[in-house]
Amino acid sequence: MDVQFEQNGGALVVTPRFKRLDAQAAATFRTAVGERVSGARLVVVSLAQVTFIDSSGLAALISVLKRIPAGGQLRLAHANSSVLSLLTLTRLDKVLPSFDTVDKALAG
């Protein structure tokens, strides 16, 4: 599978297993995660293997955020510098907080 899932307490940790979160991968990501995210109060997406995100990838992350119940959160972990720059440029860093590690993202 292209997306790995792990339950960690009440949180769902999602790890995309592709280098590019672009139009092609975003569709796979959105479908896989959308099926699992309902009911999760905290979703952490580990971007450790992702080196590139385009607008489709950003849209997929926002789509996941919208599926999380009210009061829940989507946090990112292991985002590289180019992904962090894109999040800052688009101001999505205000909505999608990013952490150095999954453990830090889980701790908030």
C-alpha atoms as a PDB file:
ATOM      1  CA  MET A   1       0.000   0.000   0.000  1.00  0.00           C
ATOM      2  CA  ASP A   2       1.180   3.530  -0.740  1.00  0.00           C
ATOM      3  CA  VAL A   3      -0.006   4.915   2.592  1.00  0.00           C
ATOM      4  CA  GLN A   4       0.822   3.412   5.982  1.00  0.00           C
ATOM      5  CA  PHE A   5      -1.419   3.862   9.040  1.00  0.00           C
ATOM      6  CA  GLU A   6      -0.665   3.475  12.732  1.00  0.00           C
ATOM      7  CA  GLN A   7      -2.951   4.060  15.701  1.00  0.00           C
ATOM      8  CA  ASN A   8      -1.179   5.815  18.566  1.00  0.00           C
ATOM      9  CA  GLY A   9      -3.615   6.196  21.432  1.00  0.00           C
ATOM     10  CA  GLY A  10      -6.443   8.311  20.059  1.00  0.00           C
ATOM     11  CA  ALA A  11      -4.288   9.623  17.222  1.00  0.00           C
ATOM     12  CA  LEU A  12      -3.904   8.326  13.699  1.00  0.00           C
ATOM     13  CA  VAL A  13      -0.394   8.540  12.228  1.00  0.00           C
ATOM     14  CA  VAL A  14      -0.372   8.540   8.426  1.00  0.00           C
ATOM     15  CA  THR A  15       2.802   7.971   6.408  1.00  0.00           C
ATOM     16  CA  PRO A  16       2.615   8.423   2.631  1.00  0.00           C
ATOM     17  CA  ARG A  17       5.138   6.093   0.996  1.00  0.00           C
ATOM     18  CA  PHE A  18       5.923   8.136  -2.085  1.00  0.00           C
ATOM     19  CA  LYS A  19       8.385  10.923  -2.824  1.00  0.00           C
ATOM     20  CA  ARG A  20       5.972  13.284  -4.566  1.00  0.00           C
ATOM     21  CA  LEU A  21       2.588  14.335  -3.269  1.00  0.00           C
ATOM     22  CA  ASP A  22       1.431  15.555  -6.675  1.00  0.00           C
ATOM     23  CA  ALA A  23      -1.794  15.153  -8.661  1.00  0.00           C
ATOM     24  CA  GLN A  24      -1.370  11.418  -9.166  1.00  0.00           C
ATOM     25  CA  ALA A  25      -0.333  10.584  -5.601  1.00  0.00           C
ATOM     26  CA  ALA A  26      -2.774  13.068  -4.060  1.00  0.00           C
ATOM     27  CA  ALA A  27      -5.758  11.117  -5.368  1.00  0.00           C
ATOM     28  CA  THR A  28      -4.432   7.902  -3.805  1.00  0.00           C
ATOM     29  CA  PHE A  29      -3.619   9.718  -0.566  1.00  0.00           C
ATOM     30  CA  ARG A  30      -7.012  11.435  -0.339  1.00  0.00           C
ATOM     31  CA  THR A  31      -8.914   8.182  -0.907  1.00  0.00           C
ATOM     32  CA  ALA A  32      -6.826   6.078   1.482  1.00  0.00           C
ATOM     33  CA  VAL A  33      -6.805   8.608   4.299  1.00  0.00           C
ATOM     34  CA  GLY A  34     -10.402   9.729   3.833  1.00  0.00           C
ATOM     35  CA  GLU A  35     -11.593   6.205   4.581  1.00  0.00           C
ATOM     36  CA  ARG A  36      -9.699   6.059   7.876  1.00  0.00           C
ATOM     37  CA  VAL A  37      -9.813   9.555   9.332  1.00  0.00           C
ATOM     38  CA  SER A  38     -13.428   9.749  10.495  1.00  0.00           C
ATOM     39  CA  GLY A  39     -13.579   9.743  14.266  1.00  0.00           C
ATOM     40  CA  ALA A  40      -9.903  10.603  14.769  1.00  0.00           C
ATOM     41  CA  ARG A  41      -9.385  13.679  16.945  1.00  0.00           C
ATOM     42  CA  LEU A  42      -5.737  13.986  15.955  1.00  0.00           C
ATOM     43  CA  VAL A  43      -4.178  13.015  12.635  1.00  0.00           C
ATOM     44  CA  VAL A  44      -0.416  13.296  12.156  1.00  0.00           C
ATOM     45  CA  VAL A  45       0.914  13.055   8.601  1.00  0.00           C
ATOM     46  CA  SER A  46       4.572  12.056   8.520  1.00  0.00           C
ATOM     47  CA  LEU A  47       6.180  13.519   5.409  1.00  0.00           C
ATOM     48  CA  ALA A  48       9.510  11.752   5.999  1.00  0.00           C
ATOM     49  CA  GLN A  49       9.496  10.179   2.528  1.00  0.00           C
ATOM     50  CA  VAL A  50       7.861  13.107   0.703  1.00  0.00           C
ATOM     51  CA  THR A  51      10.325  15.460  -1.004  1.00  0.00           C
ATOM     52  CA  PHE A  52       7.856  17.447  -3.128  1.00  0.00           C
ATOM     53  CA  ILE A  53       4.300  18.728  -2.733  1.00  0.00           C
ATOM     54  CA  ASP A  54       2.337  20.646  -5.366  1.00  0.00           C
ATOM     55  CA  SER A  55      -1.073  22.330  -5.208  1.00  0.00           C
ATOM     56  CA  SER A  56      -2.831  18.967  -5.565  1.00  0.00           C
ATOM     57  CA  GLY A  57      -0.921  17.680  -2.566  1.00  0.00           C
ATOM     58  CA  LEU A  58      -1.855  20.740  -0.531  1.00  0.00           C
ATOM     59  CA  ALA A  59      -5.485  20.254  -1.555  1.00  0.00           C
ATOM     60  CA  ALA A  60      -5.304  16.623  -0.412  1.00  0.00           C
ATOM     61  CA  LEU A  61      -4.017  17.698   3.012  1.00  0.00           C
ATOM     62  CA  ILE A  62      -6.817  20.264   3.328  1.00  0.00           C
ATOM     63  CA  SER A  63      -9.335  17.613   2.264  1.00  0.00           C
ATOM     64  CA  VAL A  64      -8.125  15.388   5.098  1.00  0.00           C
ATOM     65  CA  LEU A  65      -8.323  18.305   7.543  1.00  0.00           C
ATOM     66  CA  LYS A  66     -11.961  18.899   6.553  1.00  0.00           C
ATOM     67  CA  ARG A  67     -12.850  15.270   7.323  1.00  0.00           C
ATOM     68  CA  ILE A  68     -11.574  15.484  10.895  1.00  0.00           C
ATOM     69  CA  PRO A  69     -14.406  16.076  13.376  1.00  0.00           C
ATOM     70  CA  ALA A  70     -14.838  19.568  14.846  1.00  0.00           C
ATOM     71  CA  GLY A  71     -12.192  20.268  17.455  1.00  0.00           C
ATOM     72  CA  GLY A  72      -9.778  17.769  15.933  1.00  0.00           C
ATOM     73  CA  GLN A  73      -6.405  18.606  14.431  1.00  0.00           C
ATOM     74  CA  LEU A  74      -4.167  17.711  11.521  1.00  0.00           C
ATOM     75  CA  ARG A  75      -0.449  18.070  12.215  1.00  0.00           C
ATOM     76  CA  LEU A  76       2.534  17.446   9.970  1.00  0.00           C
ATOM     77  CA  ALA A  77       5.859  15.846  10.869  1.00  0.00           C
ATOM     78  CA  HIS A  78       9.201  15.550   9.076  1.00  0.00           C
ATOM     79  CA  ALA A  79       8.421  18.176   6.418  1.00  0.00           C
ATOM     80  CA  ASN A  80      11.554  19.166   4.477  1.00  0.00           C
ATOM     81  CA  SER A  81      12.597  22.774   3.896  1.00  0.00           C
ATOM     82  CA  SER A  82      10.927  23.096   0.487  1.00  0.00           C
ATOM     83  CA  VAL A  83       7.629  21.792   1.855  1.00  0.00           C
ATOM     84  CA  LEU A  84       7.891  24.138   4.847  1.00  0.00           C
ATOM     85  CA  SER A  85       8.584  27.049   2.491  1.00  0.00           C
ATOM     86  CA  LEU A  86       5.500  26.192   0.436  1.00  0.00           C
ATOM     87  CA  LEU A  87       3.360  25.992   3.571  1.00  0.00           C
ATOM     88  CA  THR A  88       4.653  29.386   4.693  1.00  0.00           C
ATOM     89  CA  LEU A  89       4.193  30.952   1.256  1.00  0.00           C
ATOM     90  CA  THR A  90       0.585  29.773   1.087  1.00  0.00           C
ATOM     91  CA  ARG A  91       0.031  30.579   4.779  1.00  0.00           C
ATOM     92  CA  LEU A  92      -1.094  27.024   5.372  1.00  0.00           C
ATOM     93  CA  ASP A  93       1.502  26.835   8.136  1.00  0.00           C
ATOM     94  CA  LYS A  94      -1.132  28.622  10.256  1.00  0.00           C
ATOM     95  CA  VAL A  95      -3.617  25.785   9.684  1.00  0.00           C
ATOM     96  CA  LEU A  96      -1.247  22.822   9.352  1.00  0.00           C
ATOM     97  CA  PRO A  97       1.319  23.018  12.154  1.00  0.00           C
ATOM     98  CA  SER A  98       4.556  21.203  11.407  1.00  0.00           C
ATOM     99  CA  PHE A  99       6.845  19.416  13.852  1.00  0.00           C
ATOM    100  CA  ASP A 100      10.312  17.885  13.554  1.00  0.00           C
ATOM    101  CA  THR A 101       9.171  14.416  14.603  1.00  0.00           C
ATOM    102  CA  VAL A 102       5.997  12.374  14.911  1.00  0.00           C
ATOM    103  CA  ASP A 103       6.456  12.240  18.691  1.00  0.00           C
ATOM    104  CA  LYS A 104       6.569  16.044  18.891  1.00  0.00           C
ATOM    105  CA  ALA A 105       3.506  16.288  16.649  1.00  0.00           C
ATOM    106  CA  LEU A 106       1.637  13.858  18.887  1.00  0.00           C
ATOM    107  CA  ALA A 107       2.612  15.879  21.961  1.00  0.00           C
ATOM    108  CA  GLY A 108       1.585  19.124  20.257  1.00  0.00           C
END
